[in-house]
Amino acid sequence: MSERGSTSSSTSVVKLDSSEGRWISKEELSDGEEKENVGANRGEEDDDDDDDDDDEGQDAEVHRLVRTGPLIDWFDVEALEVTGMDAKIEDEEFDLGRMAFLTLQTFAVVFGDIGLGPLYTFDVIFTKSPIRGDEDVIGALSLVLYTLLLIPLVKYVSIVLWANDDFEGGIFALYSLISRNANISLIPIQFPPDTHMSSFQLKVPSKELERSIQVKQCLESSPRLKKAVLVIVLFGTAMVLSDGVITPAMSVVSAVSGLKVGIPDLKQDTVVMISVAFLVILFSIQKYATSKMGFAIGPALFLWFCCLGGIGIYNLAKYGVTVFKAFNPVYIIVYFKRNSFHSWLALGGCLLCATGSEAIFADLCHFSVRSIQYTFVLFVLPCLLLGYLGQAAFLLANQTSYEHIFFSSIPGGTFWPVLIIANIAALIASRTMTTATFACINKSIALGCFPRLKIIHTSRKFMGQIYIPFINWFLMVFCALFLVSFRSVDDIGIAYGITEVGVMMMTTILVTIIMVLIWQINLYMILIFFCLFIGLELIFFSSLLTSIGSGSWVMLLFSMLLLLVMVVWNYGTKLKYDSEIKQMLSMELIKKLGGNLGTIRAPGVGLLCSELVKGIPAVFGQFLTTLPAIHSIVVFVSIKYIPVPMVPQTERFLFQRVCPRNYHLFRCIARYGYKDVRKEHHKVFERLLIEGLEKFIEREVQELFLQSDDDFDSDEIQETSRSTVVTATNGSFYSLDVPLLSDYQVPTNLNYNSKPSSSISSSQDKTPDYAKNLELERSFIKKAKELGAVYLLSNGRIRATKESWFFRKLILNYFYTFLRNNCGRGITTVSIPHGNLLQVRTTYMV
């Protein structure tokens, strides 16, 4: 639920939600808002406007647009910030050693997939369209060259890489980036504060800005458009998962097939069995750290690219450089005139030279944009071009050899060494799409669009280097089954092309939205990008669909099943979230119950673990009405994972008082990094939490010396009362609901702009009361701590009502329930013994 702040004159600081912002005309701002939002930029604007006449100034004043700041919940913002998380890869100083290290790893992690294209591209092309002359070879080569230049180089390396979401790539990173700038997510998403966001800035009116505002309003106001964007993202994710299944199969079997050139009597069944054995080995070592494996096997991929370039140079020197005519695009037209329908069928094979392009973007989280761009342009692309040119030169002299063209073009004395390198490269390159799949699943889980799975971070330095055991073995099983079922490289290649082009089309649509909404570039540039690439990809897709009967239909069916799983999960999660929000207990109800909460307060600490980070969960009401007593101290605990390796124990917990002092209700956010210990012992967790609570109370008293405190309930969804945000000396913001001391009266003449020393001196007569009540609070917590802590958990589930239609019951009561029961929960960080656990199952009828 979004939380909009009050803008009344009595509010000292406007409370805003971190996920929202709005564009308005300047005259719509109140005086207070205008002063706060645009005052920092007023000086620069005034200097620019001094030379304008009065009439022009008035016109500009009327039409100027102001982007108000994102609505900020400071407690939530602070929960996502710890020491050391501001460091960004792109902002680091240039280090030659580090750049060389990252470049070496990019061969193994990013470019392995696209580097295997020369193994099978021409094989599939000339199987669909046989060679009838030199023009066919040069025309097909021209198609490959321009596909390689347009899709991987122009689209992905030059444009799409910059559409990253805090240095994370992939389909869901694009969706996350759009959701940061437009409220299109069906489930509210809590993002870390975006340091690059231009909040509180005046912008000069322009067509691009007005277009961006219109698109933003259209997306936010239309539920159908929100769902359409989500379906595009989920379909793209399903294609990525399918790609993760077929990429290893295609890479390994095409490399192992080279044995048939050295051993002509080798049967295809033997090739398939060897490939399956290689796949089992491949997925078994996938769990090892990407950084370690990348450093160890990066040289092998470097050697593979050197082989491509070297063999290409050898063939060009031996058979001539006539193939350089393929850089003339006229030969593409000649090729289509000569072969008509067969050349159109060959387009599916031509796309295989660009497979792996999506992996370049999806694996961005492992490396920096610059390291990927430099490596591709200066080394990878030249080696690929030389490889394809050399094969075409070989074909001009050997036009009857359609199968295993790459291995047939290898010089005789180097065949076996190159074959070994090719197989090693195929095994390594298969990791590329698998790691990209992990990254995509990780982001989709964070956005509530995929069932929760166990995620293991394999590096302390790079957050994006992860391993998901279930997905790894899932991909291995289906990859082996697909390889055994469809043994032909040609059939696998067509299915491979369908999954790749499906992801490419979804990426094109989402990047176009980003261009309009966020980048705000010229409309003609946007139209050129969209029409060029979506048109090109649709042509490739139409060619691939003609061969759907050869086995590629299996990949489409597989993608549809994965799409169904994600749609069901997202649909059920949204209904569950909406039900929990609707049934939250109101703050007024809790206050009416009094300090005893309408029951007996027994000594002890109750830790109510909830996925909600705002409001009082409905399950708390069930505990109050069901249990004969409730603990003297109740803490609402929420777990958050933030993008740092480890969170210092001194910064693990953040606290907030929920009700007046005598209620002893607190909210706590426990923060964990991706390399923090999983399954933390409950005793350690409780000790750190109680220590943090005591420090919070001490800090709260110190803050009351410095600032006055108004009645402010920061947990309420609808905010109408006066609010005060206390600023600490380190610049952090703290929200204080009520004074710590019930008998303390806030001075009415306290000046917010006064120095801290004056505040302390004006309250010196209150020092004894503060100290006395602080000691009482400490002794109260100490007594409760001695009796131990009990974990109160809610196992919420949803079920369709009897009046619901059949498919709704089927989806919610069976499919979603099955996924929910077999996936991880939010409070999996703490190892809780059964004797300290009290669990209540809550059923929401929808």
Foldseek 3Di string as FASTA:
>chain_A
DFFFFDDDPLFPDTAFPQQDKAKDQQVVDDPVQCCVLAVVPVVVVCVVCPPPDPVVVVVQNGGWMAIAFHRHDQLLQLLFDFPPPVDAQVPDDDDPVVLVLVLLLCLLAACLLLLLLLLPLLLLLCVLPADDALLLLLLLLLLLLVLQCVQQPVPQLPAQLVCAQSQAFDLLRLVVSVSSQAVLFLDDARDHRDPPDPHSHTDRDDPLVVLLNVLRVVRNVDNVNSVVLVLLSLLLLLLLLLLLQLSLLLQQLSLLVLVCVVVVPDDLVVSLVVSLVLLVVLLVCLQAWSSVVSSVCSVLSVVLLVLLLVLLVVLCVVQHQPSVVSNPNVSNVVNCVVGPPSNLLSLLSSNSSVPSSSLNRLVSLQDDSVSSSCSCVVGVVSSSSSNSSSLSSVCNVVSPDSPSSSLVSGPPVCNVVSSVSSNSSSSSSSSNSVLSSVSSQVSCVSSQQAFFFDKAANDQPGRSGIDTVVSSVVSSVSSSVLCVVQVDSNLSSLLSSLSRLSSQLSSLVSSLSCCSNPVSDDPVVSVCSNCVRNVSSVSNNVSSVVCCVSPSVVSVVSSVVSSVLRVLRSVFVSVLVVLFVVQFDAPVQQVVCPQQSVAHADFAEEEEEDQDQFGHTNVVVVCVVPPRGHHQAYEYEHEDEHAHSFHDLLSQKDKAAQDAQSNNYMYIYGYGYSNDAFAAEVVVVLVSVLVNVLVVLVVLLVQVLQDFADQARSRGSHDDDHFDWGADPVGRIGGHRDRNDPPDDTDPPDDPPDDRVVSNVVCVVCVVVSVVSSVVVVVSSVRNPVVPYAYEYEAEAEAEDPPDDDVRRCSRVPSNVVSSVPGDDRPRRHNDDPVRYDYDYHYHYD
